[in-house]
């Protein structure tokens, strides 16, 4: 994100007022965002945008379309929510609120065989 809050973070102050569970479900609403968050569970190393695109590409969409969606919609949203830290052209890292959503992601990953495909 371009702007910093007074505390130096990029987290949207409006989201600070939201219920953490509501914020988590908002982030989990989209399968691409779920995939990005799952890649960061367990202290995983930062990952770059290219690796995310490659892991999302199942052949059903054009790679440029995936890249545009990541850069302009999904990564900025997760950054605003505080679940990731991301600067365009740089790696995606766990954000200041990642620990808030990590148990939910771990639950989903741990039970993915019981969930619909591409949960």
N, C-alpha and C. Protein backbone atom coordinates (compact mmCIF):
# COMPACT_ATOMS: atom_id res chain seq x y z
N UNK A 1 0.83 -1.18 0.00
CA UNK A 1 0.00 0.00 0.00
C UNK A 1 0.87 1.24 0.00
N UNK A 2 0.33 2.34 -0.45
CA UNK A 2 1.10 3.56 -0.54
C UNK A 2 1.17 4.31 0.79
N UNK A 3 0.04 4.42 1.48
CA UNK A 3 -0.02 5.24 2.67
C UNK A 3 0.27 4.46 3.92
N UNK A 4 0.89 5.14 4.87
CA UNK A 4 1.18 4.53 6.17
C UNK A 4 0.29 5.19 7.21
N UNK A 5 -0.10 4.40 8.21
CA UNK A 5 -0.83 4.94 9.34
C UNK A 5 0.16 5.62 10.27
N UNK A 6 -0.33 6.29 11.27
CA UNK A 6 0.52 6.96 12.23
C UNK A 6 1.49 6.01 12.93
N UNK A 7 1.15 4.72 13.03
CA UNK A 7 2.04 3.76 13.69
C UNK A 7 3.00 3.11 12.71
N UNK A 8 3.01 3.57 11.44
CA UNK A 8 3.93 3.03 10.45
C UNK A 8 3.41 1.82 9.70
N UNK A 9 2.22 1.33 10.06
CA UNK A 9 1.68 0.16 9.39
C UNK A 9 0.79 0.58 8.23
N UNK A 10 0.50 -0.39 7.36
CA UNK A 10 -0.38 -0.14 6.22
C UNK A 10 -1.81 -0.60 6.49
N UNK A 11 -2.08 -1.14 7.66
CA UNK A 11 -3.39 -1.68 7.98
C UNK A 11 -4.42 -0.56 7.97
N UNK A 12 -5.54 -0.83 7.29
CA UNK A 12 -6.62 0.16 7.19
C UNK A 12 -7.23 0.38 8.57
N UNK A 13 -7.20 1.62 9.09
CA UNK A 13 -7.74 1.88 10.42
C UNK A 13 -9.23 1.53 10.55
N UNK A 14 -9.98 1.62 9.45
CA UNK A 14 -11.40 1.27 9.49
C UNK A 14 -11.59 -0.20 9.84
N UNK A 15 -10.65 -1.04 9.42
CA UNK A 15 -10.74 -2.46 9.72
C UNK A 15 -10.45 -2.77 11.18
N UNK A 16 -9.80 -1.86 11.89
CA UNK A 16 -9.52 -2.07 13.30
C UNK A 16 -10.80 -2.14 14.10
N UNK A 17 -11.85 -1.49 13.62
CA UNK A 17 -13.14 -1.47 14.31
C UNK A 17 -13.98 -2.71 14.05
N UNK A 18 -13.62 -3.47 13.03
CA UNK A 18 -14.40 -4.65 12.65
C UNK A 18 -14.12 -5.82 13.57
N UNK A 19 -15.10 -6.67 13.72
CA UNK A 19 -14.96 -7.90 14.47
C UNK A 19 -13.91 -8.76 13.77
N UNK A 20 -12.94 -9.34 14.50
CA UNK A 20 -11.91 -10.15 13.86
C UNK A 20 -12.46 -11.33 13.04
N UNK A 21 -13.53 -11.95 13.49
CA UNK A 21 -14.10 -13.06 12.74
C UNK A 21 -14.73 -12.56 11.44
N UNK A 22 -15.39 -11.42 11.48
CA UNK A 22 -15.97 -10.82 10.27
C UNK A 22 -14.86 -10.48 9.28
N UNK A 23 -13.76 -9.94 9.79
CA UNK A 23 -12.61 -9.60 8.95
C UNK A 23 -12.03 -10.87 8.32
N UNK A 24 -11.92 -11.94 9.10
CA UNK A 24 -11.39 -13.20 8.59
C UNK A 24 -12.28 -13.77 7.49
N UNK A 25 -13.59 -13.78 7.72
CA UNK A 25 -14.50 -14.31 6.70
C UNK A 25 -14.48 -13.46 5.43
N UNK A 26 -14.29 -12.16 5.59
CA UNK A 26 -14.16 -11.28 4.42
C UNK A 26 -12.95 -11.70 3.59
N UNK A 27 -11.83 -11.95 4.26
CA UNK A 27 -10.61 -12.36 3.56
C UNK A 27 -10.77 -13.73 2.92
N UNK A 28 -11.49 -14.63 3.57
CA UNK A 28 -11.64 -16.01 3.10
C UNK A 28 -12.72 -16.17 2.04
N UNK A 29 -13.44 -15.12 1.74
CA UNK A 29 -14.54 -15.18 0.78
C UNK A 29 -14.06 -15.58 -0.62
N UNK A 30 -12.84 -15.25 -0.96
CA UNK A 30 -12.35 -15.49 -2.31
C UNK A 30 -11.33 -16.65 -2.32
N UNK A 31 -11.45 -17.59 -3.26
CA UNK A 31 -10.53 -18.73 -3.28
C UNK A 31 -9.06 -18.34 -3.53
N UNK A 32 -8.83 -17.28 -4.28
CA UNK A 32 -7.45 -16.84 -4.51
C UNK A 32 -6.84 -16.34 -3.20
N UNK A 33 -7.61 -15.56 -2.43
CA UNK A 33 -7.11 -15.07 -1.14
C UNK A 33 -6.88 -16.24 -0.19
N UNK A 34 -7.77 -17.23 -0.19
CA UNK A 34 -7.57 -18.41 0.66
C UNK A 34 -6.26 -19.10 0.30
N UNK A 35 -5.99 -19.21 -0.98
CA UNK A 35 -4.77 -19.86 -1.45
C UNK A 35 -3.53 -19.09 -0.99
N UNK A 36 -3.55 -17.79 -1.13
CA UNK A 36 -2.42 -16.95 -0.71
C UNK A 36 -2.16 -17.13 0.78
N UNK A 37 -3.21 -17.06 1.58
CA UNK A 37 -3.06 -17.20 3.03
C UNK A 37 -2.56 -18.59 3.41
N UNK A 38 -3.04 -19.62 2.73
CA UNK A 38 -2.61 -20.99 3.02
C UNK A 38 -1.12 -21.17 2.76
N UNK A 39 -0.58 -20.46 1.77
CA UNK A 39 0.85 -20.55 1.47
C UNK A 39 1.71 -19.97 2.59
N UNK A 40 1.13 -19.13 3.44
CA UNK A 40 1.89 -18.47 4.49
C UNK A 40 1.71 -19.11 5.87
N UNK A 41 0.92 -20.16 5.97
CA UNK A 41 0.67 -20.82 7.25
C UNK A 41 1.93 -21.51 7.74
N UNK A 42 2.09 -21.55 9.05
CA UNK A 42 3.20 -22.28 9.65
C UNK A 42 4.53 -21.57 9.54
N UNK A 43 4.50 -20.26 9.40
CA UNK A 43 5.75 -19.52 9.31
C UNK A 43 6.47 -19.68 8.00
N UNK A 44 5.73 -20.04 6.96
CA UNK A 44 6.33 -20.23 5.65
C UNK A 44 7.10 -18.98 5.24
N UNK A 45 8.16 -19.22 4.49
CA UNK A 45 8.99 -18.12 4.01
C UNK A 45 8.19 -17.21 3.09
N UNK A 46 8.61 -15.95 3.00
CA UNK A 46 7.94 -15.06 2.06
C UNK A 46 7.95 -15.66 0.66
N UNK A 47 6.93 -15.34 -0.09
CA UNK A 47 6.83 -15.86 -1.45
C UNK A 47 6.61 -14.70 -2.40
N UNK A 48 7.06 -14.83 -3.62
CA UNK A 48 6.89 -13.73 -4.56
C UNK A 48 5.64 -13.93 -5.41
N UNK A 49 5.24 -12.87 -6.08
CA UNK A 49 4.02 -12.90 -6.88
C UNK A 49 4.04 -13.94 -7.98
N UNK A 50 5.20 -14.16 -8.57
CA UNK A 50 5.31 -15.15 -9.65
C UNK A 50 5.00 -16.55 -9.12
N UNK A 51 5.52 -16.88 -7.93
CA UNK A 51 5.26 -18.20 -7.34
C UNK A 51 3.77 -18.36 -7.02
N UNK A 52 3.13 -17.29 -6.60
CA UNK A 52 1.70 -17.34 -6.31
C UNK A 52 0.92 -17.58 -7.59
N UNK A 53 1.26 -16.84 -8.65
CA UNK A 53 0.57 -17.02 -9.93
C UNK A 53 0.72 -18.46 -10.41
N UNK A 54 1.94 -18.99 -10.35
CA UNK A 54 2.19 -20.36 -10.81
C UNK A 54 1.39 -21.38 -9.99
N UNK A 55 1.25 -21.15 -8.69
CA UNK A 55 0.53 -22.10 -7.86
C UNK A 55 -0.99 -22.00 -8.04
N UNK A 56 -1.46 -20.85 -8.50
CA UNK A 56 -2.89 -20.66 -8.73
C UNK A 56 -3.30 -21.13 -10.12
N UNK A 57 -2.38 -21.05 -11.07
CA UNK A 57 -2.68 -21.37 -12.46
C UNK A 57 -3.05 -22.83 -12.63
N UNK A 58 -4.33 -23.08 -12.89
CA UNK A 58 -4.79 -24.45 -13.13
C UNK A 58 -5.18 -24.65 -14.60
N UNK A 59 -4.84 -23.66 -15.42
CA UNK A 59 -5.13 -23.74 -16.85
C UNK A 59 -6.49 -23.23 -17.24
N UNK A 60 -7.32 -22.88 -16.26
CA UNK A 60 -8.67 -22.41 -16.59
C UNK A 60 -8.72 -20.91 -16.88
N UNK A 61 -7.66 -20.19 -16.55
CA UNK A 61 -7.61 -18.74 -16.78
C UNK A 61 -6.27 -18.36 -17.37
N UNK A 62 -6.24 -17.22 -18.03
CA UNK A 62 -4.99 -16.71 -18.58
C UNK A 62 -4.10 -16.21 -17.45
N UNK A 63 -2.81 -16.48 -17.56
CA UNK A 63 -1.86 -16.04 -16.55
C UNK A 63 -1.88 -14.52 -16.40
N UNK A 64 -1.93 -13.73 -17.49
CA UNK A 64 -2.01 -12.27 -17.31
C UNK A 64 -3.26 -11.85 -16.51
N UNK A 65 -4.35 -12.55 -16.72
CA UNK A 65 -5.59 -12.25 -15.98
C UNK A 65 -5.39 -12.52 -14.49
N UNK A 66 -4.74 -13.63 -14.15
CA UNK A 66 -4.47 -13.95 -12.75
C UNK A 66 -3.56 -12.89 -12.13
N UNK A 67 -2.51 -12.52 -12.87
CA UNK A 67 -1.55 -11.53 -12.37
C UNK A 67 -2.25 -10.19 -12.09
N UNK A 68 -3.11 -9.74 -13.01
CA UNK A 68 -3.83 -8.48 -12.82
C UNK A 68 -4.72 -8.56 -11.59
N UNK A 69 -5.44 -9.67 -11.44
CA UNK A 69 -6.31 -9.82 -10.27
C UNK A 69 -5.50 -9.80 -8.98
N UNK A 70 -4.36 -10.47 -8.96
CA UNK A 70 -3.51 -10.47 -7.77
C UNK A 70 -3.02 -9.07 -7.43
N UNK A 71 -2.48 -8.39 -8.42
CA UNK A 71 -1.85 -7.10 -8.19
C UNK A 71 -2.83 -5.98 -7.87
N UNK A 72 -4.03 -6.06 -8.42
CA UNK A 72 -4.97 -4.96 -8.27
C UNK A 72 -6.14 -5.24 -7.33
N UNK A 73 -6.35 -6.49 -6.96
CA UNK A 73 -7.49 -6.81 -6.10
C UNK A 73 -7.06 -7.60 -4.86
N UNK A 74 -6.56 -8.82 -5.07
CA UNK A 74 -6.39 -9.74 -3.95
C UNK A 74 -5.25 -9.36 -2.99
N UNK A 75 -4.06 -9.08 -3.51
CA UNK A 75 -2.96 -8.71 -2.62
C UNK A 75 -3.22 -7.38 -1.90
N UNK A 76 -3.71 -6.35 -2.60
CA UNK A 76 -4.01 -5.11 -1.86
C UNK A 76 -5.07 -5.31 -0.76
N UNK A 77 -6.07 -6.14 -1.02
CA UNK A 77 -7.11 -6.38 -0.02
C UNK A 77 -6.51 -7.05 1.22
N UNK A 78 -5.73 -8.11 1.03
CA UNK A 78 -5.13 -8.80 2.17
C UNK A 78 -4.15 -7.89 2.91
N UNK A 79 -3.48 -7.01 2.18
CA UNK A 79 -2.57 -6.05 2.80
C UNK A 79 -3.35 -5.06 3.66
N UNK A 80 -4.45 -4.53 3.13
CA UNK A 80 -5.29 -3.59 3.90
C UNK A 80 -5.85 -4.23 5.16
N UNK A 81 -6.22 -5.52 5.06
CA UNK A 81 -6.75 -6.23 6.22
C UNK A 81 -5.67 -6.55 7.24
N UNK A 82 -4.40 -6.43 6.84
CA UNK A 82 -3.29 -6.68 7.75
C UNK A 82 -2.84 -8.12 7.81
N UNK A 83 -3.36 -8.97 6.93
CA UNK A 83 -2.98 -10.38 6.95
C UNK A 83 -1.67 -10.64 6.20
N UNK A 84 -1.33 -9.76 5.28
CA UNK A 84 -0.05 -9.87 4.58
C UNK A 84 0.61 -8.51 4.57
N UNK A 85 1.91 -8.53 4.30
CA UNK A 85 2.64 -7.32 3.97
C UNK A 85 3.13 -7.51 2.56
N UNK A 86 2.87 -6.53 1.73
CA UNK A 86 3.21 -6.64 0.32
C UNK A 86 3.45 -5.27 -0.26
N UNK A 87 4.54 -5.16 -1.00
CA UNK A 87 4.85 -3.98 -1.77
C UNK A 87 4.99 -4.47 -3.20
N UNK A 88 4.32 -3.84 -4.16
CA UNK A 88 4.42 -4.31 -5.55
C UNK A 88 5.88 -4.52 -5.97
N UNK A 89 6.12 -5.69 -6.56
CA UNK A 89 7.46 -6.05 -7.00
C UNK A 89 8.28 -6.73 -5.92
N UNK A 90 7.71 -6.88 -4.72
CA UNK A 90 8.42 -7.49 -3.61
C UNK A 90 7.69 -8.76 -3.17
N UNK A 91 8.27 -9.45 -2.23
CA UNK A 91 7.68 -10.69 -1.71
C UNK A 91 6.45 -10.42 -0.86
N UNK A 92 5.62 -11.44 -0.75
CA UNK A 92 4.44 -11.42 0.13
C UNK A 92 4.87 -12.08 1.44
N UNK A 93 4.64 -11.38 2.54
CA UNK A 93 5.00 -11.88 3.87
C UNK A 93 3.77 -11.88 4.78
N UNK A 94 3.89 -12.59 5.87
CA UNK A 94 2.84 -12.56 6.90
C UNK A 94 2.74 -11.15 7.46
N UNK A 95 1.51 -10.66 7.58
CA UNK A 95 1.28 -9.31 8.09
C UNK A 95 1.05 -9.28 9.58
N UNK A 96 0.82 -8.08 10.13
CA UNK A 96 0.67 -7.93 11.59
C UNK A 96 -0.56 -8.62 12.17
N UNK A 97 -1.55 -8.91 11.34
CA UNK A 97 -2.76 -9.61 11.82
C UNK A 97 -2.81 -11.07 11.36
N UNK A 98 -1.73 -11.59 10.81
CA UNK A 98 -1.78 -12.95 10.28
C UNK A 98 -2.14 -13.97 11.36
N UNK A 99 -1.60 -13.80 12.56
CA UNK A 99 -1.89 -14.75 13.64
C UNK A 99 -3.38 -14.80 13.96
N UNK A 100 -4.10 -13.75 13.65
CA UNK A 100 -5.54 -13.71 13.89
C UNK A 100 -6.28 -14.70 12.98
N UNK A 101 -5.80 -14.88 11.76
CA UNK A 101 -6.49 -15.75 10.79
C UNK A 101 -5.82 -17.12 10.65
N UNK A 102 -4.61 -17.26 11.13
CA UNK A 102 -3.86 -18.50 10.95
C UNK A 102 -4.60 -19.74 11.48
N UNK A 103 -5.23 -19.71 12.66
CA UNK A 103 -5.95 -20.91 13.11
C UNK A 103 -7.07 -21.34 12.17
N UNK A 104 -7.74 -20.39 11.57
CA UNK A 104 -8.82 -20.71 10.64
C UNK A 104 -8.24 -21.37 9.39
N UNK A 105 -7.15 -20.82 8.87
CA UNK A 105 -6.50 -21.38 7.68
C UNK A 105 -5.98 -22.78 8.00
N UNK A 106 -5.36 -22.95 9.18
CA UNK A 106 -4.87 -24.28 9.57
C UNK A 106 -6.00 -25.29 9.63
N UNK A 107 -7.15 -24.87 10.12
CA UNK A 107 -8.31 -25.76 10.18
C UNK A 107 -8.75 -26.17 8.78
N UNK A 108 -8.79 -25.22 7.87
CA UNK A 108 -9.18 -25.52 6.49
C UNK A 108 -8.17 -26.45 5.83
N UNK A 109 -6.88 -26.14 5.98
CA UNK A 109 -5.83 -26.97 5.38
C UNK A 109 -5.86 -28.38 5.97
N UNK A 110 -6.06 -28.47 7.27
CA UNK A 110 -6.09 -29.76 7.94
C UNK A 110 -7.26 -30.63 7.57
N UNK A 111 -8.31 -30.04 7.01
CA UNK A 111 -9.52 -30.78 6.65
C UNK A 111 -9.85 -30.63 5.16
N UNK A 112 -8.83 -30.33 4.35
CA UNK A 112 -9.12 -30.07 2.93
C UNK A 112 -9.70 -31.27 2.22
N UNK A 113 -9.45 -32.48 2.71
CA UNK A 113 -10.03 -33.67 2.05
C UNK A 113 -11.54 -33.74 2.27
N UNK A 114 -12.04 -33.05 3.28
CA UNK A 114 -13.48 -33.03 3.54
C UNK A 114 -14.17 -31.80 2.92
N UNK A 115 -13.39 -30.92 2.32
CA UNK A 115 -13.93 -29.70 1.73
C UNK A 115 -14.10 -29.86 0.22
N UNK A 116 -14.94 -29.02 -0.36
CA UNK A 116 -15.08 -29.05 -1.82
C UNK A 116 -13.74 -28.74 -2.49
N UNK A 117 -13.58 -29.21 -3.71
CA UNK A 117 -12.36 -28.92 -4.47
C UNK A 117 -12.14 -27.41 -4.56
N UNK A 118 -10.89 -27.01 -4.54
CA UNK A 118 -10.52 -25.59 -4.63
C UNK A 118 -11.17 -24.76 -3.55
N UNK A 119 -11.21 -25.28 -2.35
CA UNK A 119 -11.81 -24.55 -1.24
C UNK A 119 -11.15 -23.22 -1.12
